[in-house]
Amino acid sequence: MNHLRITDEERAQLLTNGQARVAGQAIDPLPVVRLFTPDAHLIWLLTELDPEDGDTAYGLIDLGIGMPELGTVQLSALASIVGPRKQPVMRDRYFQAARPLSEYVRLAQENGSIID
């Protein structure tokens, strides 16, 4: 995950949210981190991290094909992805969630992509 430059604070919040979901709590957290490819229009809004493996993240995934959806992704796999101009997946250092995940999902499904 260090390849993605996720901060210790973000990782702690992702794990806290993951632990809440594993414990059966109904949560609708704010996305903690936004990852993207600067040259391929791929976006991941992540809300939690599996406390068991520390690698499986959950959130809204937009692969740039007009069908954003909730799902999981391994952070270790994201660290090896590059876009057409060899740009790696990056963390949006300026991202501040404006709404809970459910609202991002609703808006993304209406618009065919994650909007901010």
PDB file of N, CA and C in Angstrom:
ATOM      1  N   MET A   1       0.816  -1.184   0.000  1.00  0.00           N
ATOM      2  CA  MET A   1       0.000   0.000   0.000  1.00  0.00           C
ATOM      3  C   MET A   1       0.868   1.260   0.000  1.00  0.00           C
ATOM      4  N   ASN A   2       2.083   1.158   0.444  1.00  0.00           N
ATOM      5  CA  ASN A   2       2.968   2.315   0.424  1.00  0.00           C
ATOM      6  C   ASN A   2       3.195   2.830  -0.985  1.00  0.00           C
ATOM      7  N   HIS A   3       3.125   1.921  -1.978  1.00  0.00           N
ATOM      8  CA  HIS A   3       3.290   2.343  -3.364  1.00  0.00           C
ATOM      9  C   HIS A   3       2.212   3.351  -3.749  1.00  0.00           C
ATOM     10  N   LEU A   4       1.039   3.233  -3.128  1.00  0.00           N
ATOM     11  CA  LEU A   4      -0.077   4.123  -3.431  1.00  0.00           C
ATOM     12  C   LEU A   4      -0.044   5.374  -2.572  1.00  0.00           C
ATOM     13  N   ARG A   5       0.864   5.420  -1.634  1.00  0.00           N
ATOM     14  CA  ARG A   5       1.056   6.575  -0.751  1.00  0.00           C
ATOM     15  C   ARG A   5      -0.154   6.871   0.120  1.00  0.00           C
ATOM     16  N   ILE A   6      -0.869   5.818   0.519  1.00  0.00           N
ATOM     17  CA  ILE A   6      -1.957   5.973   1.474  1.00  0.00           C
ATOM     18  C   ILE A   6      -1.322   6.253   2.832  1.00  0.00           C
ATOM     19  N   THR A   7      -1.802   7.287   3.482  1.00  0.00           N
ATOM     20  CA  THR A   7      -1.190   7.692   4.750  1.00  0.00           C
ATOM     21  C   THR A   7      -1.562   6.717   5.868  1.00  0.00           C
ATOM     22  N   ASP A   8      -0.810   6.754   6.945  1.00  0.00           N
ATOM     23  CA  ASP A   8      -1.102   5.915   8.110  1.00  0.00           C
ATOM     24  C   ASP A   8      -2.487   6.241   8.668  1.00  0.00           C
ATOM     25  N   GLU A   9      -2.842   7.518   8.674  1.00  0.00           N
ATOM     26  CA  GLU A   9      -4.156   7.948   9.175  1.00  0.00           C
ATOM     27  C   GLU A   9      -5.275   7.385   8.285  1.00  0.00           C
ATOM     28  N   GLU A  10      -5.094   7.445   6.978  1.00  0.00           N
ATOM     29  CA  GLU A  10      -6.096   6.896   6.057  1.00  0.00           C
ATOM     30  C   GLU A  10      -6.216   5.385   6.225  1.00  0.00           C
ATOM     31  N   ARG A  11      -5.085   4.720   6.342  1.00  0.00           N
ATOM     32  CA  ARG A  11      -5.101   3.265   6.537  1.00  0.00           C
ATOM     33  C   ARG A  11      -5.840   2.908   7.830  1.00  0.00           C
ATOM     34  N   ALA A  12      -5.600   3.649   8.890  1.00  0.00           N
ATOM     35  CA  ALA A  12      -6.266   3.390  10.166  1.00  0.00           C
ATOM     36  C   ALA A  12      -7.780   3.569  10.024  1.00  0.00           C
ATOM     37  N   GLN A  13      -8.209   4.612   9.316  1.00  0.00           N
ATOM     38  CA  GLN A  13      -9.647   4.839   9.127  1.00  0.00           C
ATOM     39  C   GLN A  13     -10.257   3.744   8.251  1.00  0.00           C
ATOM     40  N   LEU A  14      -9.554   3.328   7.196  1.00  0.00           N
ATOM     41  CA  LEU A  14     -10.028   2.231   6.337  1.00  0.00           C
ATOM     42  C   LEU A  14     -10.205   0.955   7.162  1.00  0.00           C
ATOM     43  N   LEU A  15      -9.259   0.665   8.029  1.00  0.00           N
ATOM     44  CA  LEU A  15      -9.345  -0.531   8.876  1.00  0.00           C
ATOM     45  C   LEU A  15     -10.475  -0.420   9.898  1.00  0.00           C
ATOM     46  N   THR A  16     -10.655   0.759  10.473  1.00  0.00           N
ATOM     47  CA  THR A  16     -11.750   0.972  11.430  1.00  0.00           C
ATOM     48  C   THR A  16     -13.095   0.714  10.753  1.00  0.00           C
ATOM     49  N   ASN A  17     -13.269   1.247   9.553  1.00  0.00           N
ATOM     50  CA  ASN A  17     -14.511   1.024   8.808  1.00  0.00           C
ATOM     51  C   ASN A  17     -14.672  -0.457   8.460  1.00  0.00           C
ATOM     52  N   GLY A  18     -13.594  -1.110   8.089  1.00  0.00           N
ATOM     53  CA  GLY A  18     -13.639  -2.536   7.777  1.00  0.00           C
ATOM     54  C   GLY A  18     -14.015  -3.365   8.993  1.00  0.00           C
ATOM     55  N   GLN A  19     -13.464  -3.012  10.135  1.00  0.00           N
ATOM     56  CA  GLN A  19     -13.794  -3.736  11.374  1.00  0.00           C
ATOM     57  C   GLN A  19     -15.264  -3.547  11.736  1.00  0.00           C
ATOM     58  N   ALA A  20     -15.808  -2.356  11.502  1.00  0.00           N
ATOM     59  CA  ALA A  20     -17.219  -2.098  11.791  1.00  0.00           C
ATOM     60  C   ALA A  20     -18.112  -2.974  10.912  1.00  0.00           C
ATOM     61  N   ARG A  21     -17.771  -3.094   9.639  1.00  0.00           N
ATOM     62  CA  ARG A  21     -18.578  -3.909   8.731  1.00  0.00           C
ATOM     63  C   ARG A  21     -18.481  -5.387   9.115  1.00  0.00           C
ATOM     64  N   VAL A  22     -17.261  -5.858   9.432  1.00  0.00           N
ATOM     65  CA  VAL A  22     -17.077  -7.255   9.849  1.00  0.00           C
ATOM     66  C   VAL A  22     -17.892  -7.541  11.112  1.00  0.00           C
ATOM     67  N   ALA A  23     -18.011  -6.549  11.994  1.00  0.00           N
ATOM     68  CA  ALA A  23     -18.766  -6.706  13.235  1.00  0.00           C
ATOM     69  C   ALA A  23     -20.275  -6.652  13.004  1.00  0.00           C
ATOM     70  N   GLY A  24     -20.681  -6.432  11.751  1.00  0.00           N
ATOM     71  CA  GLY A  24     -22.104  -6.432  11.429  1.00  0.00           C
ATOM     72  C   GLY A  24     -22.794  -5.092  11.579  1.00  0.00           C
ATOM     73  N   GLN A  25     -22.027  -4.040  11.785  1.00  0.00           N
ATOM     74  CA  GLN A  25     -22.623  -2.712  11.903  1.00  0.00           C
ATOM     75  C   GLN A  25     -23.066  -2.222  10.528  1.00  0.00           C
ATOM     76  N   ALA A  26     -24.238  -1.618  10.463  1.00  0.00           N
ATOM     77  CA  ALA A  26     -24.712  -1.008   9.217  1.00  0.00           C
ATOM     78  C   ALA A  26     -24.048   0.366   9.116  1.00  0.00           C
ATOM     79  N   ILE A  27     -23.092   0.489   8.207  1.00  0.00           N
ATOM     80  CA  ILE A  27     -22.365   1.752   8.087  1.00  0.00           C
ATOM     81  C   ILE A  27     -22.498   2.296   6.667  1.00  0.00           C
ATOM     82  N   ASP A  28     -22.455   3.603   6.557  1.00  0.00           N
ATOM     83  CA  ASP A  28     -22.435   4.297   5.267  1.00  0.00           C
ATOM     84  C   ASP A  28     -21.391   5.403   5.398  1.00  0.00           C
ATOM     85  N   PRO A  29     -20.122   4.990   5.447  1.00  0.00           N
ATOM     86  CA  PRO A  29     -19.061   5.969   5.745  1.00  0.00           C
ATOM     87  C   PRO A  29     -18.757   6.902   4.581  1.00  0.00           C
ATOM     88  N   LEU A  30     -18.087   7.965   4.918  1.00  0.00           N
ATOM     89  CA  LEU A  30     -17.513   8.828   3.890  1.00  0.00           C
ATOM     90  C   LEU A  30     -16.355   8.069   3.256  1.00  0.00           C
ATOM     91  N   PRO A  31     -16.165   8.194   1.946  1.00  0.00           N
ATOM     92  CA  PRO A  31     -14.952   7.607   1.363  1.00  0.00           C
ATOM     93  C   PRO A  31     -13.719   8.191   2.042  1.00  0.00           C
ATOM     94  N   VAL A  32     -12.741   7.341   2.271  1.00  0.00           N
ATOM     95  CA  VAL A  32     -11.529   7.751   2.979  1.00  0.00           C
ATOM     96  C   VAL A  32     -10.458   8.203   2.007  1.00  0.00           C
ATOM     97  N   VAL A  33     -10.364   7.518   0.890  1.00  0.00           N
ATOM     98  CA  VAL A  33      -9.301   7.808  -0.067  1.00  0.00           C
ATOM     99  C   VAL A  33      -9.839   7.681  -1.495  1.00  0.00           C
ATOM    100  N   ARG A  34      -9.322   8.525  -2.367  1.00  0.00           N
ATOM    101  CA  ARG A  34      -9.645   8.466  -3.791  1.00  0.00           C
ATOM    102  C   ARG A  34      -8.352   8.126  -4.523  1.00  0.00           C
ATOM    103  N   LEU A  35      -8.373   7.007  -5.244  1.00  0.00           N
ATOM    104  CA  LEU A  35      -7.237   6.610  -6.076  1.00  0.00           C
ATOM    105  C   LEU A  35      -7.656   6.768  -7.530  1.00  0.00           C
ATOM    106  N   PHE A  36      -6.694   7.058  -8.392  1.00  0.00           N
ATOM    107  CA  PHE A  36      -7.021   7.271  -9.799  1.00  0.00           C
ATOM    108  C   PHE A  36      -5.800   7.044 -10.672  1.00  0.00           C
ATOM    109  N   THR A  37      -6.056   6.838 -11.959  1.00  0.00           N
ATOM    110  CA  THR A  37      -4.976   6.826 -12.940  1.00  0.00           C
ATOM    111  C   THR A  37      -5.080   8.129 -13.714  1.00  0.00           C
ATOM    112  N   PRO A  38      -4.039   8.925 -13.740  1.00  0.00           N
ATOM    113  CA  PRO A  38      -4.112  10.220 -14.409  1.00  0.00           C
ATOM    114  C   PRO A  38      -4.256  10.119 -15.924  1.00  0.00           C
ATOM    115  N   ASP A  39      -3.961   8.970 -16.486  1.00  0.00           N
ATOM    116  CA  ASP A  39      -4.012   8.851 -17.948  1.00  0.00           C
ATOM    117  C   ASP A  39      -4.989   7.787 -18.447  1.00  0.00           C
ATOM    118  N   ALA A  40      -5.879   7.290 -17.576  1.00  0.00           N
ATOM    119  CA  ALA A  40      -6.796   6.239 -18.035  1.00  0.00           C
ATOM    120  C   ALA A  40      -8.213   6.375 -17.481  1.00  0.00           C
ATOM    121  N   HIS A  41      -8.501   7.413 -16.717  1.00  0.00           N
ATOM    122  CA  HIS A  41      -9.849   7.678 -16.214  1.00  0.00           C
ATOM    123  C   HIS A  41     -10.413   6.561 -15.339  1.00  0.00           C
ATOM    124  N   LEU A  42      -9.572   5.904 -14.570  1.00  0.00           N
ATOM    125  CA  LEU A  42     -10.001   4.899 -13.607  1.00  0.00           C
ATOM    126  C   LEU A  42     -10.009   5.548 -12.230  1.00  0.00           C
ATOM    127  N   ILE A  43     -11.073   5.281 -11.440  1.00  0.00           N
ATOM    128  CA  ILE A  43     -11.206   5.899 -10.118  1.00  0.00           C
ATOM    129  C   ILE A  43     -11.700   4.861  -9.119  1.00  0.00           C
ATOM    130  N   TRP A  44     -11.122   4.902  -7.933  1.00  0.00           N
ATOM    131  CA  TRP A  44     -11.556   4.067  -6.814  1.00  0.00           C
ATOM    132  C   TRP A  44     -11.799   4.985  -5.626  1.00  0.00           C
ATOM    133  N   LEU A  45     -13.039   5.004  -5.107  1.00  0.00           N
ATOM    134  CA  LEU A  45     -13.352   5.707  -3.862  1.00  0.00           C
ATOM    135  C   LEU A  45     -13.469   4.640  -2.790  1.00  0.00           C
ATOM    136  N   LEU A  46     -12.498   4.561  -1.932  1.00  0.00           N
ATOM    137  CA  LEU A  46     -12.427   3.470  -0.964  1.00  0.00           C
ATOM    138  C   LEU A  46     -12.884   3.906   0.419  1.00  0.00           C
ATOM    139  N   THR A  47     -13.670   3.029   1.052  1.00  0.00           N
ATOM    140  CA  THR A  47     -14.202   3.329   2.378  1.00  0.00           C
ATOM    141  C   THR A  47     -13.640   2.430   3.456  1.00  0.00           C
ATOM    142  N   GLU A  48     -13.187   1.237   3.077  1.00  0.00           N
ATOM    143  CA  GLU A  48     -12.747   0.317   4.122  1.00  0.00           C
ATOM    144  C   GLU A  48     -11.706  -0.667   3.612  1.00  0.00           C
ATOM    145  N   LEU A  49     -11.057  -1.285   4.568  1.00  0.00           N
ATOM    146  CA  LEU A  49     -10.009  -2.264   4.311  1.00  0.00           C
ATOM    147  C   LEU A  49     -10.289  -3.479   5.173  1.00  0.00           C
ATOM    148  N   ASP A  50     -10.192  -4.649   4.583  1.00  0.00           N
ATOM    149  CA  ASP A  50     -10.446  -5.893   5.303  1.00  0.00           C
ATOM    150  C   ASP A  50      -9.412  -6.039   6.414  1.00  0.00           C
ATOM    151  N   PRO A  51      -9.860  -6.118   7.676  1.00  0.00           N
ATOM    152  CA  PRO A  51      -8.907  -6.225   8.778  1.00  0.00           C
ATOM    153  C   PRO A  51      -8.181  -7.570   8.810  1.00  0.00           C
ATOM    154  N   GLU A  52      -8.729  -8.575   8.136  1.00  0.00           N
ATOM    155  CA  GLU A  52      -8.093  -9.903   8.100  1.00  0.00           C
ATOM    156  C   GLU A  52      -6.819  -9.901   7.260  1.00  0.00           C
ATOM    157  N   ASP A  53      -6.902  -9.337   6.039  1.00  0.00           N
ATOM    158  CA  ASP A  53      -5.729  -9.395   5.156  1.00  0.00           C
ATOM    159  C   ASP A  53      -5.041  -8.044   4.973  1.00  0.00           C
ATOM    160  N   GLY A  54      -5.697  -6.946   5.336  1.00  0.00           N
ATOM    161  CA  GLY A  54      -5.093  -5.627   5.210  1.00  0.00           C
ATOM    162  C   GLY A  54      -4.812  -5.216   3.782  1.00  0.00           C
ATOM    163  N   ASP A  55      -5.363  -5.947   2.809  1.00  0.00           N
ATOM    164  CA  ASP A  55      -5.087  -5.666   1.396  1.00  0.00           C
ATOM    165  C   ASP A  55      -6.362  -5.489   0.574  1.00  0.00           C
ATOM    166  N   THR A  56      -7.453  -6.109   1.000  1.00  0.00           N
ATOM    167  CA  THR A  56      -8.695  -6.044   0.233  1.00  0.00           C
ATOM    168  C   THR A  56      -9.482  -4.815   0.650  1.00  0.00           C
ATOM    169  N   ALA A  57      -9.632  -3.889  -0.292  1.00  0.00           N
ATOM    170  CA  ALA A  57     -10.353  -2.645  -0.032  1.00  0.00           C
ATOM    171  C   ALA A  57     -11.735  -2.718  -0.672  1.00  0.00           C
ATOM    172  N   TYR A  58     -12.679  -1.979  -0.090  1.00  0.00           N
ATOM    173  CA  TYR A  58     -14.053  -1.940  -0.574  1.00  0.00           C
ATOM    174  C   TYR A  58     -14.418  -0.498  -0.868  1.00  0.00           C
ATOM    175  N   GLY A  59     -15.180  -0.303  -1.928  1.00  0.00           N
ATOM    176  CA  GLY A  59     -15.655   1.033  -2.242  1.00  0.00           C
ATOM    177  C   GLY A  59     -16.278   1.083  -3.616  1.00  0.00           C
ATOM    178  N   LEU A  60     -16.417   2.278  -4.137  1.00  0.00           N
ATOM    179  CA  LEU A  60     -17.006   2.527  -5.441  1.00  0.00           C
ATOM    180  C   LEU A  60     -15.897   2.515  -6.483  1.00  0.00           C
ATOM    181  N   ILE A  61     -16.095   1.695  -7.509  1.00  0.00           N
ATOM    182  CA  ILE A  61     -15.072   1.505  -8.541  1.00  0.00           C
ATOM    183  C   ILE A  61     -15.620   1.991  -9.877  1.00  0.00           C
ATOM    184  N   ASP A  62     -14.873   2.854 -10.545  1.00  0.00           N
ATOM    185  CA  ASP A  62     -15.258   3.374 -11.855  1.00  0.00           C
ATOM    186  C   ASP A  62     -14.125   3.056 -12.831  1.00  0.00           C
ATOM    187  N   LEU A  63     -14.370   2.081 -13.696  1.00  0.00           N
ATOM    188  CA  LEU A  63     -13.355   1.655 -14.666  1.00  0.00           C
ATOM    189  C   LEU A  63     -13.424   2.447 -15.962  1.00  0.00           C
ATOM    190  N   GLY A  64     -14.219   3.521 -15.975  1.00  0.00           N
ATOM    191  CA  GLY A  64     -14.273   4.396 -17.139  1.00  0.00           C
ATOM    192  C   GLY A  64     -15.095   3.854 -18.295  1.00  0.00           C
ATOM    193  N   ILE A  65     -15.992   2.896 -18.014  1.00  0.00           N
ATOM    194  CA  ILE A  65     -16.806   2.315 -19.090  1.00  0.00           C
ATOM    195  C   ILE A  65     -18.291   2.606 -18.889  1.00  0.00           C
ATOM    196  N   GLY A  66     -18.606   3.588 -18.023  1.00  0.00           N
ATOM    197  CA  GLY A  66     -19.976   4.004 -17.824  1.00  0.00           C
ATOM    198  C   GLY A  66     -20.793   3.157 -16.881  1.00  0.00           C
ATOM    199  N   MET A  67     -20.138   2.284 -16.106  1.00  0.00           N
ATOM    200  CA  MET A  67     -20.854   1.402 -15.192  1.00  0.00           C
ATOM    201  C   MET A  67     -20.167   1.339 -13.828  1.00  0.00           C
ATOM    202  N   PRO A  68     -20.115   2.447 -13.094  1.00  0.00           N
ATOM    203  CA  PRO A  68     -19.482   2.402 -11.769  1.00  0.00           C
ATOM    204  C   PRO A  68     -20.276   1.489 -10.844  1.00  0.00           C
ATOM    205  N   GLU A  69     -19.567   0.768  -9.983  1.00  0.00           N
ATOM    206  CA  GLU A  69     -20.253  -0.140  -9.057  1.00  0.00           C
ATOM    207  C   GLU A  69     -19.440  -0.351  -7.795  1.00  0.00           C
ATOM    208  N   LEU A  70     -20.137  -0.819  -6.761  1.00  0.00           N
ATOM    209  CA  LEU A  70     -19.476  -1.175  -5.514  1.00  0.00           C
ATOM    210  C   LEU A  70     -18.736  -2.486  -5.693  1.00  0.00           C
ATOM    211  N   GLY A  71     -17.580  -2.586  -5.061  1.00  0.00           N
ATOM    212  CA  GLY A  71     -16.835  -3.828  -5.149  1.00  0.00           C
ATOM    213  C   GLY A  71     -15.570  -3.791  -4.331  1.00  0.00           C
ATOM    214  N   THR A  72     -14.785  -4.840  -4.491  1.00  0.00           N
ATOM    215  CA  THR A  72     -13.523  -4.943  -3.772  1.00  0.00           C
ATOM    216  C   THR A  72     -12.362  -4.951  -4.757  1.00  0.00           C
ATOM    217  N   VAL A  73     -11.220  -4.566  -4.248  1.00  0.00           N
ATOM    218  CA  VAL A  73      -9.999  -4.555  -5.039  1.00  0.00           C
ATOM    219  C   VAL A  73      -8.828  -4.773  -4.089  1.00  0.00           C
ATOM    220  N   GLN A  74      -7.824  -5.480  -4.547  1.00  0.00           N
ATOM    221  CA  GLN A  74      -6.613  -5.664  -3.750  1.00  0.00           C
ATOM    222  C   GLN A  74      -5.691  -4.471  -4.012  1.00  0.00           C
ATOM    223  N   LEU A  75      -5.290  -3.826  -2.930  1.00  0.00           N
ATOM    224  CA  LEU A  75      -4.384  -2.682  -3.066  1.00  0.00           C
ATOM    225  C   LEU A  75      -3.063  -3.112  -3.694  1.00  0.00           C
ATOM    226  N   SER A  76      -2.621  -4.327  -3.389  1.00  0.00           N
ATOM    227  CA  SER A  76      -1.372  -4.819  -3.984  1.00  0.00           C
ATOM    228  C   SER A  76      -1.498  -4.905  -5.501  1.00  0.00           C
ATOM    229  N   ALA A  77      -2.684  -5.230  -6.006  1.00  0.00           N
ATOM    230  CA  ALA A  77      -2.892  -5.282  -7.464  1.00  0.00           C
ATOM    231  C   ALA A  77      -2.907  -3.874  -8.046  1.00  0.00           C
ATOM    232  N   LEU A  78      -3.524  -2.927  -7.349  1.00  0.00           N
ATOM    233  CA  LEU A  78      -3.560  -1.549  -7.842  1.00  0.00           C
ATOM    234  C   LEU A  78      -2.160  -0.964  -7.964  1.00  0.00           C
ATOM    235  N   ALA A  79      -1.285  -1.367  -7.068  1.00  0.00           N
ATOM    236  CA  ALA A  79       0.080  -0.834  -7.072  1.00  0.00           C
ATOM    237  C   ALA A  79       0.840  -1.212  -8.336  1.00  0.00           C
ATOM    238  N   SER A  80       0.358  -2.232  -9.057  1.00  0.00           N
ATOM    239  CA  SER A  80       1.067  -2.661 -10.273  1.00  0.00           C
ATOM    240  C   SER A  80       0.407  -2.170 -11.556  1.00  0.00           C
ATOM    241  N   ILE A  81      -0.729  -1.469 -11.447  1.00  0.00           N
ATOM    242  CA  ILE A  81      -1.439  -0.986 -12.634  1.00  0.00           C
ATOM    243  C   ILE A  81      -0.798   0.308 -13.131  1.00  0.00           C
ATOM    244  N   VAL A  82      -0.665   0.399 -14.445  1.00  0.00           N
ATOM    245  CA  VAL A  82      -0.244   1.646 -15.079  1.00  0.00           C
ATOM    246  C   VAL A  82      -1.168   1.917 -16.255  1.00  0.00           C
ATOM    247  N   GLY A  83      -1.353   3.189 -16.565  1.00  0.00           N
ATOM    248  CA  GLY A  83      -2.186   3.587 -17.691  1.00  0.00           C
ATOM    249  C   GLY A  83      -1.414   3.529 -18.993  1.00  0.00           C
ATOM    250  N   PRO A  84      -2.035   3.985 -20.085  1.00  0.00           N
ATOM    251  CA  PRO A  84      -1.408   3.912 -21.400  1.00  0.00           C
ATOM    252  C   PRO A  84      -0.105   4.704 -21.528  1.00  0.00           C
ATOM    253  N   ARG A  85       0.048   5.728 -20.705  1.00  0.00           N
ATOM    254  CA  ARG A  85       1.295   6.513 -20.726  1.00  0.00           C
ATOM    255  C   ARG A  85       2.202   6.148 -19.564  1.00  0.00           C
ATOM    256  N   LYS A  86       1.984   4.912 -19.030  1.00  0.00           N
ATOM    257  CA  LYS A  86       2.804   4.358 -17.938  1.00  0.00           C
ATOM    258  C   LYS A  86       2.678   5.131 -16.631  1.00  0.00           C
ATOM    259  N   GLN A  87       1.546   5.843 -16.450  1.00  0.00           N
ATOM    260  CA  GLN A  87       1.285   6.539 -15.195  1.00  0.00           C
ATOM    261  C   GLN A  87       0.703   5.542 -14.197  1.00  0.00           C
ATOM    262  N   PRO A  88       1.229   5.460 -12.987  1.00  0.00           N
ATOM    263  CA  PRO A  88       0.716   4.513 -11.986  1.00  0.00           C
ATOM    264  C   PRO A  88      -0.565   5.033 -11.338  1.00  0.00           C
ATOM    265  N   VAL A  89      -1.236   4.147 -10.615  1.00  0.00           N
ATOM    266  CA  VAL A  89      -2.368   4.561  -9.796  1.00  0.00           C
ATOM    267  C   VAL A  89      -1.824   5.496  -8.721  1.00  0.00           C
ATOM    268  N   MET A  90      -2.538   6.591  -8.511  1.00  0.00           N
ATOM    269  CA  MET A  90      -2.093   7.599  -7.552  1.00  0.00           C
ATOM    270  C   MET A  90      -3.194   7.901  -6.549  1.00  0.00           C
ATOM    271  N   ARG A  91      -2.808   8.380  -5.407  1.00  0.00           N
ATOM    272  CA  ARG A  91      -3.753   8.852  -4.388  1.00  0.00           C
ATOM    273  C   ARG A  91      -4.004  10.333  -4.630  1.00  0.00           C
ATOM    274  N   ASP A  92      -5.275  10.714  -4.614  1.00  0.00           N
ATOM    275  CA  ASP A  92      -5.637  12.126  -4.747  1.00  0.00           C
ATOM    276  C   ASP A  92      -5.391  12.798  -3.396  1.00  0.00           C
ATOM    277  N   ARG A  93      -4.307  13.518  -3.310  1.00  0.00           N
ATOM    278  CA  ARG A  93      -3.915  14.151  -2.045  1.00  0.00           C
ATOM    279  C   ARG A  93      -4.892  15.228  -1.594  1.00  0.00           C
ATOM    280  N   TYR A  94      -5.705  15.746  -2.522  1.00  0.00           N
ATOM    281  CA  TYR A  94      -6.603  16.847  -2.210  1.00  0.00           C
ATOM    282  C   TYR A  94      -8.054  16.405  -2.017  1.00  0.00           C
ATOM    283  N   PHE A  95      -8.309  15.112  -2.104  1.00  0.00           N
ATOM    284  CA  PHE A  95      -9.670  14.607  -1.976  1.00  0.00           C
ATOM    285  C   PHE A  95     -10.209  14.786  -0.559  1.00  0.00           C
ATOM    286  N   GLN A  96     -11.389  15.362  -0.453  1.00  0.00           N
ATOM    287  CA  GLN A  96     -12.130  15.470   0.799  1.00  0.00           C
ATOM    288  C   GLN A  96     -13.549  15.011   0.489  1.00  0.00           C
ATOM    289  N   ALA A  97     -13.963  13.918   1.075  1.00  0.00           N
ATOM    290  CA  ALA A  97     -15.302  13.391   0.817  1.00  0.00           C
ATOM    291  C   ALA A  97     -16.358  14.426   1.206  1.00  0.00           C
ATOM    292  N   ALA A  98     -17.329  14.613   0.320  1.00  0.00           N
ATOM    293  CA  ALA A  98     -18.392  15.586   0.545  1.00  0.00           C
ATOM    294  C   ALA A  98     -19.705  14.928   0.947  1.00  0.00           C
ATOM    295  N   ARG A  99     -19.774  13.597   0.827  1.00  0.00           N
ATOM    296  CA  ARG A  99     -21.024  12.880   1.096  1.00  0.00           C
ATOM    297  C   ARG A  99     -20.709  11.437   1.432  1.00  0.00           C
ATOM    298  N   PRO A 100     -21.650  10.710   2.024  1.00  0.00           N
ATOM    299  CA  PRO A 100     -21.414   9.294   2.316  1.00  0.00           C
ATOM    300  C   PRO A 100     -21.353   8.473   1.026  1.00  0.00           C
ATOM    301  N   LEU A 101     -20.817   7.289   1.157  1.00  0.00           N
ATOM    302  CA  LEU A 101     -20.625   6.416   0.005  1.00  0.00           C
ATOM    303  C   LEU A 101     -21.917   6.197  -0.776  1.00  0.00           C
ATOM    304  N   SER A 102     -23.035   5.999  -0.092  1.00  0.00           N
ATOM    305  CA  SER A 102     -24.305   5.739  -0.785  1.00  0.00           C
ATOM    306  C   SER A 102     -24.666   6.869  -1.741  1.00  0.00           C
ATOM    307  N   GLU A 103     -24.352   8.097  -1.378  1.00  0.00           N
ATOM    308  CA  GLU A 103     -24.635   9.237  -2.267  1.00  0.00           C
ATOM    309  C   GLU A 103     -23.700   9.253  -3.474  1.00  0.00           C
ATOM    310  N   TYR A 104     -22.434   8.919  -3.257  1.00  0.00           N
ATOM    311  CA  TYR A 104     -21.516   8.816  -4.389  1.00  0.00           C
ATOM    312  C   TYR A 104     -22.003   7.738  -5.354  1.00  0.00           C
ATOM    313  N   VAL A 105     -22.487   6.617  -4.806  1.00  0.00           N
ATOM    314  CA  VAL A 105     -22.992   5.522  -5.648  1.00  0.00           C
ATOM    315  C   VAL A 105     -24.187   5.996  -6.457  1.00  0.00           C
ATOM    316  N   ARG A 106     -25.152   6.632  -5.794  1.00  0.00           N
ATOM    317  CA  ARG A 106     -26.356   7.104  -6.480  1.00  0.00           C
ATOM    318  C   ARG A 106     -26.008   8.065  -7.613  1.00  0.00           C
ATOM    319  N   LEU A 107     -25.161   9.034  -7.318  1.00  0.00           N
ATOM    320  CA  LEU A 107     -24.780  10.017  -8.333  1.00  0.00           C
ATOM    321  C   LEU A 107     -23.985   9.379  -9.477  1.00  0.00           C
ATOM    322  N   ALA A 108     -23.099   8.459  -9.135  1.00  0.00           N
ATOM    323  CA  ALA A 108     -22.298   7.785 -10.170  1.00  0.00           C
ATOM    324  C   ALA A 108     -23.175   6.955 -11.081  1.00  0.00           C
ATOM    325  N   GLN A 109     -24.173   6.273 -10.524  1.00  0.00           N
ATOM    326  CA  GLN A 109     -25.054   5.454 -11.352  1.00  0.00           C
ATOM    327  C   GLN A 109     -25.927   6.340 -12.244  1.00  0.00           C
ATOM    328  N   GLU A 110     -26.357   7.486 -11.737  1.00  0.00           N
ATOM    329  CA  GLU A 110     -27.146   8.428 -12.547  1.00  0.00           C
ATOM    330  C   GLU A 110     -26.327   9.012 -13.689  1.00  0.00           C
ATOM    331  N   ASN A 111     -25.040   9.270 -13.430  1.00  0.00           N
ATOM    332  CA  ASN A 111     -24.187   9.964 -14.401  1.00  0.00           C
ATOM    333  C   ASN A 111     -23.274   9.049 -15.204  1.00  0.00           C
ATOM    334  N   GLY A 112     -23.192   7.785 -14.827  1.00  0.00           N
ATOM    335  CA  GLY A 112     -22.324   6.863 -15.543  1.00  0.00           C
ATOM    336  C   GLY A 112     -20.854   6.964 -15.181  1.00  0.00           C
ATOM    337  N   SER A 113     -20.547   7.789 -14.180  1.00  0.00           N
ATOM    338  CA  SER A 113     -19.169   7.922 -13.716  1.00  0.00           C
ATOM    339  C   SER A 113     -19.168   8.611 -12.350  1.00  0.00           C
ATOM    340  N   ILE A 114     -18.065   8.476 -11.642  1.00  0.00           N
ATOM    341  CA  ILE A 114     -17.928   9.155 -10.351  1.00  0.00           C
ATOM    342  C   ILE A 114     -17.748  10.633 -10.612  1.00  0.00           C
ATOM    343  N   ILE A 115     -18.590  11.427  -9.960  1.00  0.00           N
ATOM    344  CA  ILE A 115     -18.449  12.879 -10.089  1.00  0.00           C
ATOM    345  C   ILE A 115     -18.121  13.451  -8.722  1.00  0.00           C
ATOM    346  N   ASP A 116     -17.541  14.617  -8.708  1.00  0.00           N
ATOM    347  CA  ASP A 116     -17.216  15.284  -7.444  1.00  0.00           C
ATOM    348  C   ASP A 116     -17.826  16.636  -7.396  1.00  0.00           C
TER     349      ASP A 116
END
